[in-house]
């Protein structure tokens, strides 16, 4: 059961990250810069 829950959480995290990257790409934001800013400083705010 714990493996199923772990797989679900991993899949959910993957989909959220992929969605954020897709939004950044559509807004013309450089993806590497956005990821670095998120990991090392204040995260970028997405406008939906």
N, C-alpha and C. Protein backbone atom coordinates (compact mmCIF):
# COMPACT_ATOMS: atom_id res chain seq x y z
N UNK A 1 0.81 -1.19 0.00
CA UNK A 1 0.00 0.00 0.00
C UNK A 1 0.86 1.27 0.00
N UNK A 2 1.95 1.26 0.76
CA UNK A 2 2.79 2.46 0.84
C UNK A 2 3.45 2.76 -0.50
N UNK A 3 3.74 1.72 -1.28
CA UNK A 3 4.35 1.94 -2.60
C UNK A 3 3.35 2.61 -3.54
N UNK A 4 2.09 2.23 -3.46
CA UNK A 4 1.06 2.85 -4.29
C UNK A 4 0.92 4.32 -3.93
N UNK A 5 0.91 4.63 -2.64
CA UNK A 5 0.81 6.01 -2.20
C UNK A 5 2.03 6.81 -2.65
N UNK A 6 3.21 6.21 -2.56
CA UNK A 6 4.43 6.87 -2.99
C UNK A 6 4.40 7.14 -4.49
N UNK A 7 3.94 6.17 -5.27
CA UNK A 7 3.84 6.37 -6.72
C UNK A 7 2.83 7.47 -7.06
N UNK A 8 1.75 7.52 -6.33
CA UNK A 8 0.73 8.55 -6.55
C UNK A 8 1.31 9.94 -6.26
N UNK A 9 2.03 10.05 -5.15
CA UNK A 9 2.62 11.34 -4.79
C UNK A 9 3.66 11.76 -5.81
N UNK A 10 4.46 10.82 -6.26
CA UNK A 10 5.48 11.13 -7.28
C UNK A 10 4.82 11.59 -8.57
N UNK A 11 3.79 10.89 -8.99
CA UNK A 11 3.08 11.25 -10.21
C UNK A 11 2.43 12.63 -10.07
N UNK A 12 1.85 12.89 -8.93
CA UNK A 12 1.21 14.18 -8.69
C UNK A 12 2.24 15.31 -8.74
N UNK A 13 3.39 15.11 -8.11
CA UNK A 13 4.45 16.12 -8.13
C UNK A 13 4.95 16.35 -9.55
N UNK A 14 5.13 15.28 -10.31
CA UNK A 14 5.60 15.38 -11.69
C UNK A 14 4.63 16.21 -12.53
N UNK A 15 3.35 15.96 -12.39
CA UNK A 15 2.35 16.67 -13.18
C UNK A 15 2.32 18.16 -12.80
N UNK A 16 2.45 18.46 -11.53
CA UNK A 16 2.47 19.87 -11.10
C UNK A 16 3.68 20.60 -11.64
N UNK A 17 4.85 19.96 -11.57
CA UNK A 17 6.07 20.59 -12.08
C UNK A 17 5.97 20.77 -13.59
N UNK A 18 5.49 19.75 -14.29
CA UNK A 18 5.36 19.85 -15.74
C UNK A 18 4.40 20.96 -16.13
N UNK A 19 3.31 21.11 -15.38
CA UNK A 19 2.36 22.18 -15.66
C UNK A 19 2.96 23.56 -15.45
N UNK A 20 3.74 23.71 -14.38
CA UNK A 20 4.39 25.00 -14.12
C UNK A 20 5.40 25.32 -15.22
N UNK A 21 6.19 24.33 -15.63
CA UNK A 21 7.16 24.56 -16.69
C UNK A 21 6.47 24.91 -18.01
N UNK A 22 5.35 24.28 -18.28
CA UNK A 22 4.60 24.59 -19.49
C UNK A 22 4.10 26.04 -19.47
N UNK A 23 3.61 26.48 -18.31
CA UNK A 23 3.14 27.85 -18.18
C UNK A 23 4.28 28.84 -18.37
N UNK A 24 5.43 28.54 -17.75
CA UNK A 24 6.60 29.42 -17.92
C UNK A 24 7.01 29.51 -19.38
N UNK A 25 7.02 28.38 -20.05
CA UNK A 25 7.40 28.35 -21.47
C UNK A 25 6.45 29.21 -22.29
N UNK A 26 5.14 29.11 -22.02
CA UNK A 26 4.15 29.89 -22.75
C UNK A 26 4.31 31.38 -22.50
N UNK A 27 4.80 31.74 -21.31
CA UNK A 27 5.00 33.14 -20.97
C UNK A 27 6.36 33.65 -21.42
N UNK A 28 7.16 32.78 -22.04
CA UNK A 28 8.45 33.19 -22.56
C UNK A 28 9.55 33.34 -21.52
N UNK A 29 9.38 32.70 -20.37
CA UNK A 29 10.37 32.77 -19.31
C UNK A 29 11.41 31.66 -19.55
N UNK A 30 12.72 32.00 -19.49
CA UNK A 30 13.75 30.96 -19.63
C UNK A 30 13.62 29.92 -18.50
N UNK A 31 13.48 28.65 -18.87
CA UNK A 31 13.19 27.62 -17.88
C UNK A 31 14.33 27.40 -16.89
N UNK A 32 15.56 27.37 -17.37
CA UNK A 32 16.68 27.14 -16.46
C UNK A 32 16.79 28.27 -15.43
N UNK A 33 16.63 29.49 -15.87
CA UNK A 33 16.68 30.64 -14.96
C UNK A 33 15.55 30.56 -13.93
N UNK A 34 14.38 30.15 -14.38
CA UNK A 34 13.24 30.04 -13.47
C UNK A 34 13.48 28.95 -12.42
N UNK A 35 14.03 27.82 -12.84
CA UNK A 35 14.31 26.74 -11.89
C UNK A 35 15.39 27.17 -10.90
N UNK A 36 16.43 27.85 -11.38
CA UNK A 36 17.48 28.31 -10.48
C UNK A 36 16.94 29.32 -9.48
N UNK A 37 16.10 30.23 -9.92
CA UNK A 37 15.51 31.22 -9.02
C UNK A 37 14.64 30.55 -7.97
N UNK A 38 13.94 29.51 -8.36
CA UNK A 38 13.07 28.81 -7.43
C UNK A 38 13.88 28.08 -6.36
N UNK A 39 15.01 27.49 -6.77
CA UNK A 39 15.82 26.72 -5.84
C UNK A 39 16.73 27.59 -4.97
N UNK A 40 17.12 28.75 -5.45
CA UNK A 40 18.11 29.56 -4.75
C UNK A 40 17.60 30.89 -4.25
N UNK A 41 16.43 31.25 -4.59
CA UNK A 41 15.92 32.55 -4.17
C UNK A 41 14.42 32.55 -4.15
N UNK A 42 13.85 33.73 -4.23
CA UNK A 42 12.39 33.79 -4.24
C UNK A 42 11.83 33.20 -5.53
N UNK A 43 10.83 32.36 -5.43
CA UNK A 43 10.27 31.75 -6.64
C UNK A 43 9.56 32.77 -7.52
N UNK A 44 9.53 32.48 -8.80
CA UNK A 44 8.81 33.34 -9.74
C UNK A 44 7.32 33.17 -9.52
N UNK A 45 6.60 34.24 -9.65
CA UNK A 45 5.15 34.18 -9.55
C UNK A 45 4.58 34.04 -10.94
N UNK A 46 3.77 33.04 -11.14
CA UNK A 46 3.16 32.80 -12.44
C UNK A 46 1.87 33.58 -12.53
N UNK A 47 1.62 34.14 -13.70
CA UNK A 47 0.33 34.80 -13.90
C UNK A 47 -0.50 33.91 -14.80
N UNK A 48 -1.62 33.44 -14.27
CA UNK A 48 -2.49 32.51 -15.00
C UNK A 48 -3.56 33.26 -15.73
